[in-house]
């Protein structure tokens, strides 16, 4: 799996929201920063297929969210 289709992305968002208790607030600033990152990367996700599913992370960040 090289990329997330719209259907897969919606499913990932559903899983993540469920893990967060079903509610998440994102500011306009956070959304714009994610859409137009200052580092020049057009695709920020690293997607690795695993035996039981897949591992998704933001490029340049570790599992704990640090860079």
Protein backbone atom coordinates (compact mmCIF):
# COMPACT_ATOMS: atom_id res chain seq x y z
CA UNK A 1 0.00 0.00 0.00
CA UNK A 2 1.81 3.11 -1.21
CA UNK A 3 -0.84 5.70 -0.36
CA UNK A 4 -4.14 6.08 1.46
CA UNK A 5 -7.25 6.21 -0.68
CA UNK A 6 -10.08 8.49 0.45
CA UNK A 7 -11.91 5.45 1.85
CA UNK A 8 -8.86 4.21 3.75
CA UNK A 9 -8.12 7.71 5.06
CA UNK A 10 -11.68 8.06 6.37
CA UNK A 11 -11.35 4.68 8.07
CA UNK A 12 -8.05 5.73 9.68
CA UNK A 13 -9.64 8.96 10.91
CA UNK A 14 -12.53 6.98 12.40
CA UNK A 15 -10.12 4.68 14.27
CA UNK A 16 -8.05 7.63 15.53
CA UNK A 17 -11.13 9.56 16.68
CA UNK A 18 -12.43 6.49 18.47
CA UNK A 19 -9.07 6.13 20.26
CA UNK A 20 -9.32 9.78 21.35
CA UNK A 21 -12.80 9.30 22.77
CA UNK A 22 -14.68 10.38 19.66
CA UNK A 23 -13.90 14.11 19.80
CA UNK A 24 -11.02 16.18 18.46
CA UNK A 25 -10.63 19.94 18.01
CA UNK A 26 -8.28 21.16 15.29
CA UNK A 27 -7.58 24.88 14.94
CA UNK A 28 -7.53 26.60 11.57
CA UNK A 29 -3.81 27.23 12.09
CA UNK A 30 -3.09 23.52 12.65
CA UNK A 31 -5.13 22.58 9.59
CA UNK A 32 -3.39 25.13 7.35
CA UNK A 33 0.03 24.08 8.67
CA UNK A 34 -0.80 20.47 7.80
CA UNK A 35 -2.06 21.40 4.32
CA UNK A 36 0.91 23.64 3.49
CA UNK A 37 3.90 22.46 5.53
CA UNK A 38 6.85 24.83 5.71
CA UNK A 39 9.36 22.03 5.15
CA UNK A 40 8.37 21.73 1.48
CA UNK A 41 7.25 18.10 1.67
CA UNK A 42 4.19 17.45 -0.47
CA UNK A 43 3.47 14.04 1.07
CA UNK A 44 4.04 13.94 4.81
CA UNK A 45 2.82 10.41 5.55
CA UNK A 46 5.04 7.36 5.67
CA UNK A 47 2.91 4.28 5.17
CA UNK A 48 4.31 0.82 5.84
CA UNK A 49 2.27 -2.32 5.37
CA UNK A 50 2.52 -4.87 8.20
CA UNK A 51 1.28 -8.42 8.63
CA UNK A 52 -1.75 -7.28 10.64
CA UNK A 53 -2.49 -3.95 8.90
CA UNK A 54 -0.28 -0.94 8.38
CA UNK A 55 1.86 1.58 10.25
CA UNK A 56 1.26 5.25 9.50
CA UNK A 57 3.41 8.12 10.75
CA UNK A 58 4.23 11.69 9.85
CA UNK A 59 7.53 11.95 8.00
CA UNK A 60 10.31 13.25 10.23
CA UNK A 61 8.50 12.53 13.53
CA UNK A 62 9.03 9.69 15.96
CA UNK A 63 6.26 7.63 17.57
CA UNK A 64 6.05 10.02 20.54
CA UNK A 65 5.47 13.02 18.26
CA UNK A 66 8.96 14.52 18.59
CA UNK A 67 11.00 15.45 15.56
